[in-house]
Structure formats: C-alpha cells, structure tokens
C-alpha cells in the first residue's frame, strides 16, 4: 500500500494530515468513555466510584501496549525514513507477536490479583466486588483492544493515519450504541448494570479488531517472522525504547493510584468527582494527545532523512498550539464546567468537587501539552530516558510529595493544586530540555541510532 512522504512538503500540512484522523479516533473513544460514565452515574454514586477506582489499573495495562507501540514506531519511522521498508515491516511483525504474549500474561495476572490492587488503592468493602467484577471482564477482552492499538501506532509510522482513526472511531460508536441495552436492559432482557458497561467495551471491539488484522496483513505486518534470532534481536531493539516508555507511562497510573488513595479518605463523592473530572480532562486535551502522537512518526522519518529544520518547525508549531488550546479549554470549562458535570451526574457533592478541579487544573493544560510534545520528540529520536526522567520528576518528585502536603492543609483541593503545579514546572523543563537537545543535534548532525 502507498505511504505518503513525511520528509517533504509543508510541515503544518503533514502534521494536520497525521493529527486529524487521530483526533477523530481519540475524541470518539473519550466521548464514548464520557457517555459510559454518564450511564454508570445514573445507576449511583457508589457505582461511579467503583468504576473510577479501575482507571489507574486500566491506564497501567494500556501503558504496556502503548510503550511497546511507541518503541516499534520510533524504530520503524526512522528505518523507513532511511529507505529500508522491508526491515521496517519485519520490526512491526515481531512487535505484534511480543505484544500478544505479554498481554496474555498481564490479563491472567490482573484477573487473579485485582482484589489486592484495589484494596491497596483504598476501595471499601462496599464497592470492592463491583470494582473487581468490572475489571475482570475488561481483562478478558484486553487482547481485542491492545493488538489493534499497537498495530494502529505502527501504521502511523508507515504513513497511514486514516486506518487507526477508523478502528478507534468504529469501536467507540458501537460501544455507545450497545451499552444502554447491556447496562439497563432491553425489552425482556434484564440489564447487567456496571458489568454491562465492561461487556459493551469488549463486544464493541470485536469487529474493529478483525478489520485491523485484515489491514495489518495487507500492509505486510503479518509477514514471515524469520528466525528466532532475528525476532529476539527485534525484541531487544523495541524493548530498549519500549521498556523506558512503559516505565514512563506507568508512573502516571501509579501516581494516580496514590492520589486516588488520598481522595478516598474524603468519601465516595470525591472519588467519583475525580473520575468524572479526569474524563472531562481527557476530552479537553484529546487534540493535544492526537498532536503529540503525530509528532513521533513525523520527527522519526525526518530524523532518518536528516531533515532537521522540519523537526524544529514542527516542534515550534506544536508548542504554540498547546498553549493556545490550553487557554481555550480552561475558558470553556471555567464557564460551562458546572453544567457539563451536572449533565453527567445529579449528586451535588460530586458536581461541586469536579467543578473545583476544573477551576484549578485546566489552566495548566497548555504546559501539559508541551510536556507531551517534548517527550514524543525524545522517544522519536530513540532516546526514551529523557521522557522517563521527565515523568519521574513530574509524578514522583513534584506531584505526589506536594499532594501529600497540600492534602493535609487544603483537603482534596490540595491534590488538585499539586496536579496543576506539576504540569507547569515539568512543562517548562520539557521545553528547555527538548530545545537544547534539538540545537545540539543540529550542530552535531544526526547519528541514526538504529541498528542495521
């Protein structure tokens, strides 16, 4: 299949060409998640709190797949930029095998140890059975989610941004359509409640997964893997970038678990409010997520082709867009956030706490976007360690200690302030660090750090 050339033509045009389908896919998934939250909120606050406790674990497991996808995408885009398409596809095929093996192991472990994890987070015995039942169903369908996600990331490295968008959008639309029947019942069928939400997620991913496999085969990602030695060498390359990327991504869910434990001490309503607010946050920052995911393949291919000026322009555009979008998102949420939350839940305590989040955190979304662009830039160059260091500084050095202190003085609002402060400080660090690295590479030339 044809692959468009990212190393020539307008930088802004190529970024928009990569970002638009990804924005559609990410936004549809987040909107589906938001609507799902509304459905669960209609059941009750305790049920909403129960599902909110699953967010960190779901994020952590997704981080493993995404980390491997990031590693493969970084390598593949640079190899493709240098002209070796055959080796690029071989890396992709080997990565899909690795992802499948790891996801099966993770699903088994997650199914068995879910109760232990949620007790550690502070889930009460009242809501623990609901939380565990929900996430165990989710683990059953994890391969249907993980394989298309990783494969879609690799298609973007090959220049196909449209197919991943179709896969994500179709799954999300189907989920929204079937979830009400599974949650609340339909005709003579009784609803499954919270469990129905998990089943809707799994069932809705079945058809898009089949379509994804057909497309992967058409692109050549299901080619012969070759010898075990070649596969192990590919795995080593992918894991060299993937493991730090996974670690970087895992820091967020672990930190979120700590924050959730702090918030749990203030009651179910605060946990539910945090769950609702973070879903809205995801919706508000989805365009930044899409743009940061486009920076990776764009930088990788131009790095492989030694197009350094195009990388500088792309980063400059992404930074400025992040700041403008962050201010716009804050203005909208400050004006209408109360009404948005009120449309999702009818508990006044949940609405009040969620709106307080929106008055504190969203004003820093622009800095959060700058961090995402900077970390995507480093990973695209095959340098995952700066991204890991940035994540550690944001969560472990700044956010958690500050949250512990401010929670003592300001209760749950202190946790929200800690999130905002960490966004600003680490956003500035990411910008300075990425700029220095880019200037250094421009002066020294680009050593292509991909083994032949």
Protein backbone atom coordinates (compact mmCIF):
# COMPACT_ATOMS: atom_id res chain seq x y z
CA UNK A 1 0.00 0.00 0.00
CA UNK A 2 1.25 3.53 -0.67
CA UNK A 3 2.88 5.52 2.10
CA UNK A 4 2.99 9.31 1.88
CA UNK A 5 6.35 11.01 2.29
CA UNK A 6 6.66 12.93 5.55
CA UNK A 7 10.10 14.26 4.67
CA UNK A 8 8.86 16.72 2.03
CA UNK A 9 6.08 19.26 1.64
CA UNK A 10 4.55 21.61 4.19
CA UNK A 11 5.24 20.77 7.85
CA UNK A 12 1.87 22.09 9.00
CA UNK A 13 0.06 20.17 6.27
CA UNK A 14 1.71 16.87 7.19
CA UNK A 15 1.09 17.40 10.89
CA UNK A 16 -2.59 18.11 10.24
CA UNK A 17 -2.77 15.10 7.92
CA UNK A 18 -1.46 12.88 10.70
CA UNK A 19 -3.35 14.57 13.52
CA UNK A 20 -6.88 14.89 12.09
CA UNK A 21 -7.70 11.14 11.85
CA UNK A 22 -6.04 10.50 15.21
CA UNK A 23 -8.02 13.33 16.75
CA UNK A 24 -11.23 11.79 15.42
CA UNK A 25 -10.28 8.39 16.82
CA UNK A 26 -9.15 9.63 20.23
CA UNK A 27 -12.08 12.00 20.59
CA UNK A 28 -14.58 9.27 19.75
CA UNK A 29 -13.06 6.95 22.35
CA UNK A 30 -13.06 9.66 25.01
CA UNK A 31 -16.62 10.71 24.19
CA UNK A 32 -17.67 7.06 24.43
CA UNK A 33 -15.95 6.86 27.80
CA UNK A 34 -17.71 10.03 28.91
CA UNK A 35 -21.11 8.70 27.85
CA UNK A 36 -20.33 5.44 29.62
CA UNK A 37 -19.57 7.47 32.76
CA UNK A 38 -22.97 9.14 32.42
CA UNK A 39 -24.68 5.73 32.20
CA UNK A 40 -22.91 4.49 35.32
CA UNK A 41 -23.60 7.77 37.12
CA UNK A 42 -27.31 7.16 36.53
CA UNK A 43 -27.00 3.89 38.47
CA UNK A 44 -25.50 5.58 41.53
CA UNK A 45 -22.56 7.42 43.09
CA UNK A 46 -21.14 4.26 44.70
CA UNK A 47 -21.08 2.51 41.31
CA UNK A 48 -19.40 5.51 39.72
CA UNK A 49 -16.77 5.50 42.47
CA UNK A 50 -16.28 1.74 41.97
CA UNK A 51 -15.50 2.19 38.25
CA UNK A 52 -13.32 5.24 38.99
CA UNK A 53 -11.05 3.00 41.05
CA UNK A 54 -10.32 0.97 37.90
CA UNK A 55 -8.93 3.94 35.95
CA UNK A 56 -5.31 3.66 37.19
CA UNK A 57 -5.17 -0.09 36.50
CA UNK A 58 -6.70 0.30 33.05
CA UNK A 59 -4.19 3.09 32.32
CA UNK A 60 -1.30 0.98 33.59
CA UNK A 61 -2.16 -2.03 31.44
CA UNK A 62 -2.73 0.17 28.40
CA UNK A 63 0.68 1.74 29.06
CA UNK A 64 2.41 -1.58 28.42
CA UNK A 65 0.88 -1.90 24.96
CA UNK A 66 1.46 1.76 24.20
CA UNK A 67 5.08 1.58 25.36
CA UNK A 68 5.84 -1.29 23.01
CA UNK A 69 3.97 0.50 20.23
CA UNK A 70 6.00 3.65 20.87
CA UNK A 71 9.23 1.67 20.74
CA UNK A 72 8.29 -0.01 17.47
CA UNK A 73 7.02 3.24 15.94
CA UNK A 74 10.22 5.09 16.83
CA UNK A 75 12.39 2.44 15.17
CA UNK A 76 10.11 1.88 12.18
CA UNK A 77 9.73 5.56 11.30
CA UNK A 78 13.49 6.14 11.37
CA UNK A 79 14.20 3.00 9.33
CA UNK A 80 11.52 3.97 6.81
CA UNK A 81 12.98 7.47 6.61
CA UNK A 82 16.34 5.92 5.73
CA UNK A 83 14.71 3.84 2.96
CA UNK A 84 14.63 0.26 4.33
CA UNK A 85 10.93 -0.65 4.16
CA UNK A 86 11.47 -4.43 4.39
CA UNK A 87 13.23 -4.22 7.74
CA UNK A 88 10.62 -1.73 8.93
CA UNK A 89 7.82 -4.27 8.33
CA UNK A 90 9.81 -7.06 9.98
CA UNK A 91 10.15 -5.00 13.16
CA UNK A 92 6.37 -4.48 13.10
CA UNK A 93 5.60 -8.19 12.72
CA UNK A 94 7.91 -9.12 15.58
CA UNK A 95 6.37 -6.43 17.81
CA UNK A 96 2.82 -7.76 17.32
CA UNK A 97 3.96 -11.21 18.48
CA UNK A 98 5.63 -9.72 21.54
CA UNK A 99 2.55 -7.66 22.44
CA UNK A 100 0.26 -10.69 22.20
CA UNK A 101 2.46 -12.75 24.53
CA UNK A 102 2.75 -10.00 27.14
CA UNK A 103 -0.95 -9.11 27.07
CA UNK A 104 -2.00 -12.70 27.74
CA UNK A 105 0.32 -12.88 30.77
CA UNK A 106 -0.84 -9.49 32.08
CA UNK A 107 -4.52 -10.43 31.66
CA UNK A 108 -4.07 -13.58 33.74
CA UNK A 109 -2.17 -11.77 36.50
CA UNK A 110 -4.62 -8.86 36.54
CA UNK A 111 -7.61 -11.21 36.77
CA UNK A 112 -6.12 -13.04 39.75
CA UNK A 113 -4.70 -10.12 41.75
CA UNK A 114 -7.33 -7.42 41.10
CA UNK A 115 -8.80 -7.56 44.66
CA UNK A 116 -5.37 -6.97 46.21
CA UNK A 117 -4.69 -3.98 43.97
CA UNK A 118 -7.99 -2.25 44.69
CA UNK A 119 -7.76 -2.79 48.43
CA UNK A 120 -4.36 -1.11 48.29
CA UNK A 121 -5.96 1.84 46.50
CA UNK A 122 -8.44 2.27 49.31
CA UNK A 123 -11.57 0.75 47.78
CA UNK A 124 -14.03 -0.05 50.58
CA UNK A 125 -15.56 -3.50 51.01
CA UNK A 126 -18.88 -1.95 49.94
CA UNK A 127 -17.74 -1.24 46.38
CA UNK A 128 -14.85 -3.72 46.02
CA UNK A 129 -16.95 -6.56 44.48
CA UNK A 130 -18.31 -4.19 41.82
CA UNK A 131 -14.84 -2.87 41.01
CA UNK A 132 -13.28 -6.34 40.75
CA UNK A 133 -16.10 -7.77 38.63
CA UNK A 134 -15.87 -4.85 36.19
CA UNK A 135 -12.11 -5.04 35.68
CA UNK A 136 -12.06 -8.84 35.36
CA UNK A 137 -14.46 -8.63 32.43
CA UNK A 138 -12.24 -5.91 30.95
CA UNK A 139 -9.18 -8.17 31.20
CA UNK A 140 -10.97 -10.90 29.23
CA UNK A 141 -11.25 -8.59 26.23
CA UNK A 142 -7.88 -6.88 26.59
CA UNK A 143 -6.28 -8.51 23.50
CA UNK A 144 -9.11 -7.12 21.34
CA UNK A 145 -8.05 -3.66 22.46
CA UNK A 146 -4.26 -3.98 22.69
CA UNK A 147 -3.39 -5.55 19.33
CA UNK A 148 -5.31 -3.01 17.18
CA UNK A 149 -3.92 -0.16 19.29
CA UNK A 150 -0.28 -1.19 18.79
CA UNK A 151 -0.81 -2.09 15.15
CA UNK A 152 -2.51 1.25 14.57
CA UNK A 153 0.50 3.08 16.00
CA UNK A 154 2.75 1.22 13.59
CA UNK A 155 0.51 2.06 10.63
CA UNK A 156 1.01 5.71 11.51
CA UNK A 157 4.77 5.17 11.31
CA UNK A 158 4.13 3.85 7.79
CA UNK A 159 2.17 6.99 6.94
CA UNK A 160 -1.39 5.60 7.24
CA UNK A 161 -3.18 7.80 9.78
CA UNK A 162 -6.65 7.06 8.39
CA UNK A 163 -6.98 3.37 9.31
CA UNK A 164 -6.18 3.75 13.04
CA UNK A 165 -8.76 6.53 13.19
CA UNK A 166 -11.37 4.27 11.60
CA UNK A 167 -10.58 1.43 14.02
CA UNK A 168 -10.89 3.63 17.12
CA UNK A 169 -13.96 5.52 15.92
CA UNK A 170 -15.97 2.48 14.86
CA UNK A 171 -15.32 0.71 18.16
CA UNK A 172 -16.33 3.78 20.17
CA UNK A 173 -19.55 4.34 18.17
CA UNK A 174 -20.56 0.70 18.55
CA UNK A 175 -19.88 0.87 22.29
CA UNK A 176 -22.16 3.88 22.74
CA UNK A 177 -24.94 2.12 20.79
CA UNK A 178 -24.96 -1.19 22.66
CA UNK A 179 -24.03 -0.03 26.18
CA UNK A 180 -27.54 1.14 27.26
CA UNK A 181 -29.09 -2.24 26.42
CA UNK A 182 -26.39 -4.15 28.29
CA UNK A 183 -26.38 -1.81 31.31
CA UNK A 184 -30.10 -1.09 31.74
CA UNK A 185 -31.73 -3.91 29.78
CA UNK A 186 -33.78 -4.02 26.61
CA UNK A 187 -37.27 -5.41 26.02
CA UNK A 188 -37.47 -8.59 28.15
CA UNK A 189 -33.72 -8.69 28.81
CA UNK A 190 -32.53 -7.60 32.23
CA UNK A 191 -29.63 -5.16 32.39
CA UNK A 192 -26.22 -6.18 33.73
CA UNK A 193 -25.54 -2.87 35.48
CA UNK A 194 -21.88 -1.93 35.77
CA UNK A 195 -20.84 -5.30 34.30
CA UNK A 196 -22.80 -4.41 31.17
CA UNK A 197 -20.52 -1.42 30.65
CA UNK A 198 -17.46 -3.70 30.61
CA UNK A 199 -19.12 -6.16 28.23
CA UNK A 200 -20.09 -3.31 25.91
CA UNK A 201 -16.44 -2.30 25.70
CA UNK A 202 -15.35 -5.84 24.78
CA UNK A 203 -18.10 -6.62 22.27
CA UNK A 204 -17.70 -3.29 20.51
CA UNK A 205 -14.01 -4.00 19.85
CA UNK A 206 -14.53 -7.40 18.18
CA UNK A 207 -15.43 -6.25 14.63
CA UNK A 208 -12.84 -3.41 14.50
CA UNK A 209 -10.20 -5.91 15.65
CA UNK A 210 -10.98 -8.22 12.73
CA UNK A 211 -10.80 -5.27 10.33
CA UNK A 212 -7.49 -4.22 11.89
CA UNK A 213 -5.97 -7.67 11.37
CA UNK A 214 -7.01 -7.63 7.70
CA UNK A 215 -5.36 -4.22 7.20
CA UNK A 216 -2.19 -5.28 9.05
CA UNK A 217 -1.89 -8.28 6.73
CA UNK A 218 -2.39 -6.08 3.68
CA UNK A 219 0.44 -3.80 4.80
CA UNK A 220 2.77 -6.74 5.34
CA UNK A 221 2.85 -6.72 9.14
CA UNK A 222 1.96 -10.43 9.17
CA UNK A 223 4.90 -11.41 7.02
CA UNK A 224 7.14 -14.32 7.89
CA UNK A 225 8.91 -13.53 11.17
CA UNK A 226 12.11 -15.26 10.07
CA UNK A 227 14.46 -16.94 12.50
CA UNK A 228 14.16 -16.82 16.29
CA UNK A 229 17.48 -14.96 16.36
CA UNK A 230 16.06 -12.18 14.17
CA UNK A 231 12.94 -11.98 16.31
CA UNK A 232 14.93 -11.74 19.54
CA UNK A 233 17.09 -9.02 18.00
CA UNK A 234 13.97 -7.05 17.03
CA UNK A 235 12.51 -7.53 20.51
CA UNK A 236 15.74 -6.24 22.03
CA UNK A 237 15.58 -3.10 19.87
CA UNK A 238 11.90 -2.48 20.63
CA UNK A 239 12.33 -3.13 24.36
CA UNK A 240 15.33 -0.79 24.53
CA UNK A 241 12.94 2.04 23.80
CA UNK A 242 9.73 0.34 24.90
CA UNK A 243 10.72 -0.51 28.47
CA UNK A 244 11.63 3.07 29.45
CA UNK A 245 8.49 4.23 27.62
CA UNK A 246 6.41 1.71 29.55
CA UNK A 247 8.04 2.79 32.80
CA UNK A 248 7.37 6.42 31.92
CA UNK A 249 3.73 5.67 31.16
CA UNK A 250 3.31 3.50 34.28
CA UNK A 251 4.40 6.32 36.56
CA UNK A 252 1.17 8.16 35.73
CA UNK A 253 -1.21 5.35 36.77
CA UNK A 254 0.84 4.59 39.88
CA UNK A 255 0.75 8.25 40.83
CA UNK A 256 -2.97 8.34 40.11
CA UNK A 257 -3.43 5.37 42.44
CA UNK A 258 -1.70 7.30 45.22
CA UNK A 259 -3.87 10.35 44.54
CA UNK A 260 -6.96 8.12 44.49
CA UNK A 261 -5.99 6.71 47.88
CA UNK A 262 -5.69 10.25 49.26
CA UNK A 263 -9.06 11.22 47.81
CA UNK A 264 -10.73 8.03 49.07
CA UNK A 265 -10.28 9.33 52.63
CA UNK A 266 -12.67 12.17 51.74
CA UNK A 267 -15.52 9.88 50.66
CA UNK A 268 -17.08 8.20 47.62
CA UNK A 269 -18.35 11.50 46.24
CA UNK A 270 -14.83 12.94 45.93
CA UNK A 271 -13.52 9.78 44.23
CA UNK A 272 -16.46 9.87 41.82
CA UNK A 273 -15.84 13.59 41.19
CA UNK A 274 -12.20 12.92 40.39
CA UNK A 275 -13.24 10.16 37.99
CA UNK A 276 -15.68 12.46 36.20
CA UNK A 277 -13.23 15.38 36.13
CA UNK A 278 -10.40 13.29 34.66
CA UNK A 279 -12.73 12.02 31.93
CA UNK A 280 -13.58 15.63 31.06
CA UNK A 281 -9.87 16.46 31.21
CA UNK A 282 -9.20 13.73 28.66
CA UNK A 283 -11.89 15.18 26.42
CA UNK A 284 -10.41 18.68 26.72
CA UNK A 285 -6.86 17.53 25.96
CA UNK A 286 -7.66 14.98 23.26
CA UNK A 287 -6.44 17.24 20.44
CA UNK A 288 -3.10 17.60 22.27
CA UNK A 289 -2.88 13.81 22.58
CA UNK A 290 -3.53 13.46 18.86
CA UNK A 291 -0.91 16.09 18.00
CA UNK A 292 1.73 14.52 20.27
CA UNK A 293 1.10 11.12 18.68
CA UNK A 294 1.69 12.76 15.27
CA UNK A 295 4.97 14.34 16.37
CA UNK A 296 6.52 10.88 16.84
CA UNK A 297 6.29 9.47 13.30
CA UNK A 298 6.88 12.92 11.78
CA UNK A 299 10.08 13.50 13.76
CA UNK A 300 11.22 9.90 13.25
CA UNK A 301 11.01 9.94 9.46
CA UNK A 302 12.56 13.39 9.17
CA UNK A 303 15.30 12.33 11.58
CA UNK A 304 16.07 9.33 9.39
CA UNK A 305 16.12 11.59 6.31
CA UNK A 306 18.26 14.26 8.09
CA UNK A 307 15.57 16.96 7.69
CA UNK A 308 16.44 18.84 10.89
CA UNK A 309 14.79 22.17 10.06
CA UNK A 310 11.42 20.47 9.55
CA UNK A 311 11.67 18.98 13.05
CA UNK A 312 12.34 22.41 14.55
CA UNK A 313 9.33 23.90 12.75
CA UNK A 314 7.07 21.03 13.83
CA UNK A 315 8.01 21.42 17.50
CA UNK A 316 7.51 25.17 17.36
CA UNK A 317 4.02 24.74 15.87
CA UNK A 318 3.07 22.10 18.44
CA UNK A 319 4.25 24.18 21.42
CA UNK A 320 2.34 27.28 20.36
CA UNK A 321 -0.78 25.29 19.59
CA UNK A 322 -0.61 23.58 23.01
CA UNK A 323 -0.57 26.89 24.89
CA UNK A 324 -3.41 28.41 22.87
CA UNK A 325 -5.53 25.28 23.17
CA UNK A 326 -4.88 25.08 26.92
CA UNK A 327 -6.16 28.61 27.49
CA UNK A 328 -9.22 27.97 25.33
CA UNK A 329 -10.03 24.74 27.20
CA UNK A 330 -9.72 26.49 30.56
CA UNK A 331 -12.07 29.27 29.47
CA UNK A 332 -14.72 26.80 28.31
CA UNK A 333 -14.52 24.63 31.44
CA UNK A 334 -14.49 27.61 33.79
CA UNK A 335 -17.64 28.96 32.17
CA UNK A 336 -19.56 25.76 31.50
CA UNK A 337 -17.88 23.07 33.64
CA UNK A 338 -20.58 23.12 36.30
CA UNK A 339 -23.27 22.48 33.70
CA UNK A 340 -21.21 19.78 31.98
CA UNK A 341 -20.77 17.82 35.21
CA UNK A 342 -24.40 18.41 36.14
CA UNK A 343 -25.47 16.78 32.88
CA UNK A 344 -23.47 13.69 33.80
CA UNK A 345 -24.39 13.21 37.48
CA UNK A 346 -27.01 14.62 39.84
CA UNK A 347 -25.08 14.36 43.11
CA UNK A 348 -24.39 17.91 44.33
CA UNK A 349 -21.20 16.90 46.20
CA UNK A 350 -19.79 15.26 43.06
CA UNK A 351 -20.69 18.29 40.93
CA UNK A 352 -19.09 20.74 43.37
CA UNK A 353 -15.81 18.83 43.71
CA UNK A 354 -15.49 18.15 39.98
CA UNK A 355 -16.04 21.83 39.16
CA UNK A 356 -13.36 22.82 41.68
CA UNK A 357 -10.98 20.57 39.75
CA UNK A 358 -11.86 22.47 36.57
CA UNK A 359 -11.11 25.82 38.14
CA UNK A 360 -7.65 24.67 39.28
CA UNK A 361 -6.15 22.18 36.79
CA UNK A 362 -7.23 23.14 33.24
CA UNK A 363 -5.39 26.48 33.23
CA UNK A 364 -2.19 24.37 33.09
CA UNK A 365 -3.30 22.17 30.15
CA UNK A 366 -1.02 24.11 27.78
CA UNK A 367 2.06 23.21 29.83
CA UNK A 368 0.88 19.60 29.96
CA UNK A 369 0.67 19.65 26.16
CA UNK A 370 4.23 20.99 25.89
CA UNK A 371 5.39 18.08 28.04
CA UNK A 372 3.66 15.61 25.73
CA UNK A 373 5.29 17.14 22.63
CA UNK A 374 8.75 17.13 24.23
CA UNK A 375 8.55 13.51 25.39
CA UNK A 376 7.25 12.39 21.97
CA UNK A 377 10.22 14.15 20.38
CA UNK A 378 12.75 12.33 22.57
CA UNK A 379 11.20 8.92 22.01
CA UNK A 380 11.07 9.50 18.24
CA UNK A 381 14.84 10.01 18.30
CA UNK A 382 15.30 6.68 20.05
CA UNK A 383 16.07 8.41 23.36
CA UNK A 384 13.45 7.21 25.88
CA UNK A 385 15.40 8.08 29.03
CA UNK A 386 14.68 11.85 28.98
CA UNK A 387 10.96 11.04 28.79
CA UNK A 388 11.30 8.67 31.75
CA UNK A 389 13.19 11.29 33.76
CA UNK A 390 10.54 13.90 32.97
CA UNK A 391 7.77 11.54 34.08
CA UNK A 392 9.59 10.70 37.31
CA UNK A 393 10.14 14.38 38.07
CA UNK A 394 6.50 15.22 37.34
CA UNK A 395 4.89 12.45 39.37
CA UNK A 396 7.36 11.24 41.99
CA UNK A 397 9.43 14.35 42.75
CA UNK A 398 6.77 17.06 42.41
CA UNK A 399 3.19 15.82 42.26
CA UNK A 400 2.96 13.12 44.95
CA UNK A 401 5.01 14.88 47.68
CA UNK A 402 3.16 18.14 47.02
CA UNK A 403 -0.20 16.35 47.08
CA UNK A 404 0.63 14.73 50.43
CA UNK A 405 1.47 18.12 51.94
CA UNK A 406 -1.38 20.11 50.41
CA UNK A 407 -3.93 17.38 51.16
CA UNK A 408 -3.13 17.94 54.84
CA UNK A 409 -3.71 21.68 54.64
CA UNK A 410 -6.34 22.01 51.88
CA UNK A 411 -8.04 18.57 51.88
CA UNK A 412 -8.87 17.18 48.42
CA UNK A 413 -8.41 20.60 46.78
CA UNK A 414 -4.72 20.38 47.64
CA UNK A 415 -4.44 17.30 45.43
CA UNK A 416 -5.86 19.30 42.52
CA UNK A 417 -3.37 22.12 43.15
CA UNK A 418 -0.48 19.63 43.19
CA UNK A 419 -1.51 18.36 39.75
CA UNK A 420 -1.59 21.92 38.37
CA UNK A 421 1.80 22.89 39.81
CA UNK A 422 3.48 19.75 38.47
CA UNK A 423 2.04 20.44 34.99
CA UNK A 424 3.63 23.90 34.90
CA UNK A 425 7.04 23.01 36.30
CA UNK A 426 7.57 19.92 34.17
CA UNK A 427 6.19 21.59 31.05
CA UNK A 428 8.87 24.27 31.34
CA UNK A 429 11.53 21.62 31.93
CA UNK A 430 10.43 19.58 28.90
CA UNK A 431 10.51 22.63 26.65
CA UNK A 432 14.03 23.68 27.71
CA UNK A 433 15.43 20.15 27.56
CA UNK A 434 14.00 19.34 24.11
CA UNK A 435 15.16 22.68 22.72
CA UNK A 436 18.72 22.12 23.96
CA UNK A 437 18.77 18.59 22.52
CA UNK A 438 17.49 19.77 19.14
CA UNK A 439 20.06 22.56 18.94
CA UNK A 440 22.84 20.13 19.89
CA UNK A 441 21.77 17.61 17.24
CA UNK A 442 21.53 20.30 14.56
CA UNK A 443 25.09 21.36 15.28
CA UNK A 444 26.48 17.82 15.53
CA UNK A 445 24.46 16.19 12.76
CA UNK A 446 22.05 13.30 13.21
CA UNK A 447 23.61 9.94 14.09
CA UNK A 448 20.92 7.44 13.04
CA UNK A 449 20.64 5.28 16.17
CA UNK A 450 19.03 2.23 14.53
CA UNK A 451 20.98 -0.97 14.11
CA UNK A 452 21.15 -2.26 10.60
